[in-house]
Amino acid sequence: FSHGNAGNIGHRFGTFDVLLHSGVNVLGYDYRGYGRSDGKPSEEGTYKDLLAAYDWLMSQKEFAADKIIVHGNSLGGGVTSWLPTVRTVGGMILQSTFTSTPDIGKELFPWLPVDLISTIKYDTVNRVPQCRAPVLVIHGPDDTLIPFHHAERNFAAASEPKFLWKLRGDHNDSIAD
């Protein structure tokens, strides 16, 4: 589970509880500079952190790559969308995720030349088609931070099989609510 920009894994226990009660195992991790993790956050660093979590999980003999479902929430979806480009996964869940940080930046700050100044990309929408496993896009039409059309574009970009689950509530209302 790759969490969003705000908080750390200690703020995700409600989501973890819901997932655990569904019968799955959950591995949550923090990015460098989040929670008790050392280092400074960066886009490249978040990818390395996810890869380290995945590779550790794969080192545990009871886990097979085609049984691992990666789940990213908000910023975590941008991180998560990268993993199927370098590793095998059994499925991918993008929850309340933007198409890219420049896209959301242009919407939040239309007066800024976001494309020219943005060094952070998290290009979710262009990575989603590379996932060769089922994709579930979870998003609320009433999300006031990341508008629902991001979910629609991510969903449209995904290969079959793909599923769209519309949540009730705003951006920070979780599947645990």
C-alpha atoms as a PDB file:
ATOM      1  CA  PHE A   1       0.000   0.000   0.000  1.00  0.00           C
ATOM      2  CA  SER A   2       1.483   3.317  -1.148  1.00  0.00           C
ATOM      3  CA  HIS A   3      -0.069   6.174   0.814  1.00  0.00           C
ATOM      4  CA  GLY A   4      -0.813   9.748  -0.171  1.00  0.00           C
ATOM      5  CA  ASN A   5       1.239  12.871   0.391  1.00  0.00           C
ATOM      6  CA  ALA A   6      -0.251  13.791   3.764  1.00  0.00           C
ATOM      7  CA  GLY A   7       0.697  11.751   6.802  1.00  0.00           C
ATOM      8  CA  ASN A   8       2.350   8.353   6.923  1.00  0.00           C
ATOM      9  CA  ILE A   9       1.438   4.693   7.373  1.00  0.00           C
ATOM     10  CA  GLY A  10       0.445   5.402  10.973  1.00  0.00           C
ATOM     11  CA  HIS A  11      -2.515   7.362   9.600  1.00  0.00           C
ATOM     12  CA  ARG A  12      -3.750   4.466   7.419  1.00  0.00           C
ATOM     13  CA  PHE A  13      -4.863   1.937  10.037  1.00  0.00           C
ATOM     14  CA  GLY A  14      -8.540   2.271   9.043  1.00  0.00           C
ATOM     15  CA  THR A  15      -7.732   1.372   5.453  1.00  0.00           C
ATOM     16  CA  PHE A  16      -5.423  -1.442   6.555  1.00  0.00           C
ATOM     17  CA  ASP A  17      -8.173  -2.811   8.811  1.00  0.00           C
ATOM     18  CA  VAL A  18     -10.688  -2.908   5.937  1.00  0.00           C
ATOM     19  CA  LEU A  19      -8.174  -4.630   3.662  1.00  0.00           C
ATOM     20  CA  LEU A  20      -7.159  -7.160   6.328  1.00  0.00           C
ATOM     21  CA  HIS A  21     -10.797  -8.003   7.046  1.00  0.00           C
ATOM     22  CA  SER A  22     -11.249  -8.803   3.351  1.00  0.00           C
ATOM     23  CA  GLY A  23      -8.772 -11.657   3.838  1.00  0.00           C
ATOM     24  CA  VAL A  24      -5.669 -10.208   2.190  1.00  0.00           C
ATOM     25  CA  ASN A  25      -2.247  -9.547   3.646  1.00  0.00           C
ATOM     26  CA  VAL A  26      -1.145  -5.910   3.692  1.00  0.00           C
ATOM     27  CA  LEU A  27       2.334  -4.416   3.466  1.00  0.00           C
ATOM     28  CA  GLY A  28       2.353  -0.691   4.154  1.00  0.00           C
ATOM     29  CA  TYR A  29       5.533   1.338   3.989  1.00  0.00           C
ATOM     30  CA  ASP A  30       6.624   4.946   4.266  1.00  0.00           C
ATOM     31  CA  TYR A  31       8.552   6.881   1.666  1.00  0.00           C
ATOM     32  CA  ARG A  32      11.919   8.329   2.641  1.00  0.00           C
ATOM     33  CA  GLY A  33      11.355  11.417   4.772  1.00  0.00           C
ATOM     34  CA  TYR A  34       7.862  10.296   5.877  1.00  0.00           C
ATOM     35  CA  GLY A  35       6.978   8.953   9.301  1.00  0.00           C
ATOM     36  CA  ARG A  36      10.084   7.456  10.872  1.00  0.00           C
ATOM     37  CA  SER A  37      11.896   6.950   7.568  1.00  0.00           C
ATOM     38  CA  ASP A  38      15.170   8.751   7.019  1.00  0.00           C
ATOM     39  CA  GLY A  39      16.029  10.700   3.910  1.00  0.00           C
ATOM     40  CA  LYS A  40      14.479  13.407   1.794  1.00  0.00           C
ATOM     41  CA  PRO A  41      11.341  12.828  -0.312  1.00  0.00           C
ATOM     42  CA  SER A  42      11.716  12.806  -4.104  1.00  0.00           C
ATOM     43  CA  GLU A  43       9.900  11.237  -7.040  1.00  0.00           C
ATOM     44  CA  GLU A  44      12.798   8.895  -7.794  1.00  0.00           C
ATOM     45  CA  GLY A  45      13.095   8.101  -4.087  1.00  0.00           C
ATOM     46  CA  THR A  46       9.438   7.050  -3.827  1.00  0.00           C
ATOM     47  CA  TYR A  47       9.949   4.618  -6.711  1.00  0.00           C
ATOM     48  CA  LYS A  48      13.025   3.173  -5.001  1.00  0.00           C
ATOM     49  CA  ASP A  49      11.085   2.829  -1.734  1.00  0.00           C
ATOM     50  CA  LEU A  50       8.243   0.952  -3.450  1.00  0.00           C
ATOM     51  CA  LEU A  51      10.721  -1.255  -5.295  1.00  0.00           C
ATOM     52  CA  ALA A  52      12.492  -2.071  -2.014  1.00  0.00           C
ATOM     53  CA  ALA A  53       9.165  -3.025  -0.403  1.00  0.00           C
ATOM     54  CA  TYR A  54       8.221  -5.174  -3.427  1.00  0.00           C
ATOM     55  CA  ASP A  55      11.630  -6.864  -3.613  1.00  0.00           C
ATOM     56  CA  TRP A  56      11.542  -7.596   0.124  1.00  0.00           C
ATOM     57  CA  LEU A  57       8.092  -9.129  -0.265  1.00  0.00           C
ATOM     58  CA  MET A  58       9.307 -11.231  -3.182  1.00  0.00           C
ATOM     59  CA  SER A  59      12.176 -12.485  -1.022  1.00  0.00           C
ATOM     60  CA  GLN A  60       9.585 -14.053   1.269  1.00  0.00           C
ATOM     61  CA  LYS A  61       9.037 -17.458  -0.292  1.00  0.00           C
ATOM     62  CA  GLU A  62       5.277 -17.553   0.298  1.00  0.00           C
ATOM     63  CA  PHE A  63       4.543 -14.619  -2.044  1.00  0.00           C
ATOM     64  CA  ALA A  64       4.338 -14.939  -5.813  1.00  0.00           C
ATOM     65  CA  ALA A  65       4.451 -11.899  -8.115  1.00  0.00           C
ATOM     66  CA  ASP A  66       1.107 -12.716  -9.719  1.00  0.00           C
ATOM     67  CA  LYS A  67      -0.524 -12.663  -6.267  1.00  0.00           C
ATOM     68  CA  ILE A  68       0.707  -9.183  -5.346  1.00  0.00           C
ATOM     69  CA  ILE A  69      -1.807  -6.390  -5.816  1.00  0.00           C
ATOM     70  CA  VAL A  70      -0.287  -2.938  -5.557  1.00  0.00           C
ATOM     71  CA  HIS A  71      -2.577  -0.259  -4.103  1.00  0.00           C
ATOM     72  CA  GLY A  72      -1.822   3.444  -4.266  1.00  0.00           C
ATOM     73  CA  ASN A  73      -3.858   6.242  -2.738  1.00  0.00           C
ATOM     74  CA  SER A  74      -3.617   9.783  -4.162  1.00  0.00           C
ATOM     75  CA  LEU A  75       0.126  10.486  -4.551  1.00  0.00           C
ATOM     76  CA  GLY A  76       0.627   6.779  -3.845  1.00  0.00           C
ATOM     77  CA  GLY A  77      -1.216   5.970  -7.064  1.00  0.00           C
ATOM     78  CA  GLY A  78       1.372   7.939  -9.003  1.00  0.00           C
ATOM     79  CA  VAL A  79       4.074   5.925  -7.259  1.00  0.00           C
ATOM     80  CA  THR A  80       2.227   2.629  -7.681  1.00  0.00           C
ATOM     81  CA  SER A  81       1.611   3.115 -11.409  1.00  0.00           C
ATOM     82  CA  TRP A  82       5.370   2.952 -11.944  1.00  0.00           C
ATOM     83  CA  LEU A  83       5.909  -0.526 -10.479  1.00  0.00           C
ATOM     84  CA  PRO A  84       4.212  -2.570 -13.259  1.00  0.00           C
ATOM     85  CA  THR A  85       6.637  -0.965 -15.724  1.00  0.00           C
ATOM     86  CA  VAL A  86       9.547  -2.739 -13.997  1.00  0.00           C
ATOM     87  CA  ARG A  87       8.034  -5.718 -12.122  1.00  0.00           C
ATOM     88  CA  THR A  88       5.233  -8.254 -12.455  1.00  0.00           C
ATOM     89  CA  VAL A  89       2.120  -7.663 -10.365  1.00  0.00           C
ATOM     90  CA  GLY A  90      -1.180  -9.499 -10.039  1.00  0.00           C
ATOM     91  CA  GLY A  91      -3.227  -6.321 -10.095  1.00  0.00           C
ATOM     92  CA  MET A  92      -3.150  -2.583  -9.493  1.00  0.00           C
ATOM     93  CA  ILE A  93      -5.509  -0.336  -7.517  1.00  0.00           C
ATOM     94  CA  LEU A  94      -5.411   3.427  -8.050  1.00  0.00           C
ATOM     95  CA  GLN A  95      -7.440   5.246  -5.421  1.00  0.00           C
ATOM     96  CA  SER A  96      -8.158   8.980  -5.782  1.00  0.00           C
ATOM     97  CA  THR A  97      -5.157   9.333  -8.083  1.00  0.00           C
ATOM     98  CA  PHE A  98      -4.264  12.127 -10.497  1.00  0.00           C
ATOM     99  CA  THR A  99      -3.280  11.577 -14.132  1.00  0.00           C
ATOM    100  CA  SER A 100       0.031  13.385 -13.541  1.00  0.00           C
ATOM    101  CA  THR A 101       1.327  16.080 -11.225  1.00  0.00           C
ATOM    102  CA  PRO A 102       1.613  18.627 -14.072  1.00  0.00           C
ATOM    103  CA  ASP A 103      -2.049  17.950 -14.962  1.00  0.00           C
ATOM    104  CA  ILE A 104      -3.261  18.531 -11.419  1.00  0.00           C
ATOM    105  CA  GLY A 105      -0.864  21.461 -11.040  1.00  0.00           C
ATOM    106  CA  LYS A 106      -2.357  23.203 -14.080  1.00  0.00           C
ATOM    107  CA  GLU A 107      -5.832  22.797 -12.573  1.00  0.00           C
ATOM    108  CA  LEU A 108      -4.845  24.057  -9.122  1.00  0.00           C
ATOM    109  CA  PHE A 109      -2.606  26.877 -10.400  1.00  0.00           C
ATOM    110  CA  PRO A 110      -3.819  27.805 -13.904  1.00  0.00           C
ATOM    111  CA  TRP A 111      -1.792  31.045 -13.928  1.00  0.00           C
ATOM    112  CA  LEU A 112       1.547  29.232 -13.544  1.00  0.00           C
ATOM    113  CA  PRO A 113       3.518  27.690 -16.446  1.00  0.00           C
ATOM    114  CA  VAL A 114       3.370  24.298 -14.714  1.00  0.00           C
ATOM    115  CA  ASP A 115       4.682  22.341 -17.717  1.00  0.00           C
ATOM    116  CA  LEU A 116       7.816  24.488 -17.776  1.00  0.00           C
ATOM    117  CA  ILE A 117       8.594  24.522 -14.053  1.00  0.00           C
ATOM    118  CA  SER A 118       7.434  21.098 -12.871  1.00  0.00           C
ATOM    119  CA  THR A 119      10.287  18.719 -12.140  1.00  0.00           C
ATOM    120  CA  ILE A 120       7.942  16.145 -10.590  1.00  0.00           C
ATOM    121  CA  LYS A 121       5.846  14.161 -13.083  1.00  0.00           C
ATOM    122  CA  TYR A 122       4.249  11.014 -11.583  1.00  0.00           C
ATOM    123  CA  ASP A 123       2.896  10.311 -15.060  1.00  0.00           C
ATOM    124  CA  THR A 124       0.160   7.893 -14.014  1.00  0.00           C
ATOM    125  CA  VAL A 125      -2.007   8.079 -17.128  1.00  0.00           C
ATOM    126  CA  ASN A 126       0.869   7.127 -19.442  1.00  0.00           C
ATOM    127  CA  ARG A 127       2.014   4.272 -17.209  1.00  0.00           C
ATOM    128  CA  VAL A 128      -1.384   2.665 -16.617  1.00  0.00           C
ATOM    129  CA  PRO A 129      -1.523   1.033 -20.088  1.00  0.00           C
ATOM    130  CA  GLN A 130       1.734  -0.805 -19.317  1.00  0.00           C
ATOM    131  CA  CYS A 131       0.089  -2.774 -16.497  1.00  0.00           C
ATOM    132  CA  ARG A 132      -0.709  -6.232 -17.881  1.00  0.00           C
ATOM    133  CA  ALA A 133      -2.795  -7.191 -14.839  1.00  0.00           C
ATOM    134  CA  PRO A 134      -6.322  -6.157 -13.818  1.00  0.00           C
ATOM    135  CA  VAL A 135      -6.664  -2.487 -12.839  1.00  0.00           C
ATOM    136  CA  LEU A 136      -9.186  -1.088 -10.357  1.00  0.00           C
ATOM    137  CA  VAL A 137      -9.669   2.682 -10.317  1.00  0.00           C
ATOM    138  CA  ILE A 138     -11.372   3.941  -7.137  1.00  0.00           C
ATOM    139  CA  HIS A 139     -12.412   7.587  -6.984  1.00  0.00           C
ATOM    140  CA  GLY A 140     -15.230   9.785  -5.751  1.00  0.00           C
ATOM    141  CA  PRO A 141     -17.135  12.047  -8.148  1.00  0.00           C
ATOM    142  CA  ASP A 142     -17.277  14.611  -5.303  1.00  0.00           C
ATOM    143  CA  ASP A 143     -13.487  14.715  -4.784  1.00  0.00           C
ATOM    144  CA  THR A 144     -12.597  18.407  -4.391  1.00  0.00           C
ATOM    145  CA  LEU A 145      -8.806  17.938  -4.519  1.00  0.00           C
ATOM    146  CA  ILE A 146      -8.361  15.607  -7.485  1.00  0.00           C
ATOM    147  CA  PRO A 147     -11.375  15.923  -9.795  1.00  0.00           C
ATOM    148  CA  PHE A 148     -13.110  12.765 -10.988  1.00  0.00           C
ATOM    149  CA  HIS A 149     -12.078  13.305 -14.608  1.00  0.00           C
ATOM    150  CA  HIS A 150      -8.573  12.156 -13.568  1.00  0.00           C
ATOM    151  CA  ALA A 151     -10.086   8.791 -12.639  1.00  0.00           C
ATOM    152  CA  GLU A 152     -11.960   8.681 -15.925  1.00  0.00           C
ATOM    153  CA  ARG A 153      -8.759   9.322 -17.910  1.00  0.00           C
ATOM    154  CA  ASN A 154      -6.752   6.774 -15.881  1.00  0.00           C
ATOM    155  CA  PHE A 155      -9.545   4.230 -16.348  1.00  0.00           C
ATOM    156  CA  ALA A 156      -9.780   4.912 -20.098  1.00  0.00           C
ATOM    157  CA  ALA A 157      -5.999   4.429 -20.416  1.00  0.00           C
ATOM    158  CA  ALA A 158      -6.005   1.069 -18.632  1.00  0.00           C
ATOM    159  CA  SER A 159      -6.018  -2.189 -20.549  1.00  0.00           C
ATOM    160  CA  GLU A 160      -8.702  -4.799 -19.943  1.00  0.00           C
ATOM    161  CA  PRO A 161      -9.610  -6.173 -17.527  1.00  0.00           C
ATOM    162  CA  LYS A 162     -10.328  -2.935 -15.718  1.00  0.00           C
ATOM    163  CA  PHE A 163     -12.908  -1.771 -13.219  1.00  0.00           C
ATOM    164  CA  LEU A 164     -14.135   1.592 -11.921  1.00  0.00           C
ATOM    165  CA  TRP A 165     -15.503   1.924  -8.369  1.00  0.00           C
ATOM    166  CA  LYS A 166     -17.133   5.247  -7.510  1.00  0.00           C
ATOM    167  CA  LEU A 167     -16.696   6.237  -3.860  1.00  0.00           C
ATOM    168  CA  ARG A 168     -18.960   8.519  -1.892  1.00  0.00           C
ATOM    169  CA  GLY A 169     -17.349  11.488  -0.247  1.00  0.00           C
ATOM    170  CA  ASP A 170     -14.378  13.758  -0.703  1.00  0.00           C
ATOM    171  CA  HIS A 171     -10.696  13.114  -1.399  1.00  0.00           C
ATOM    172  CA  ASN A 172      -9.680  12.124   2.114  1.00  0.00           C
ATOM    173  CA  ASP A 173     -12.698   9.941   2.757  1.00  0.00           C
ATOM    174  CA  SER A 174     -11.303   6.443   2.503  1.00  0.00           C
ATOM    175  CA  ILE A 175     -12.654   2.996   1.750  1.00  0.00           C
ATOM    176  CA  ALA A 176     -12.654   2.582   5.531  1.00  0.00           C
ATOM    177  CA  ASP A 177     -15.299   5.303   5.991  1.00  0.00           C
END
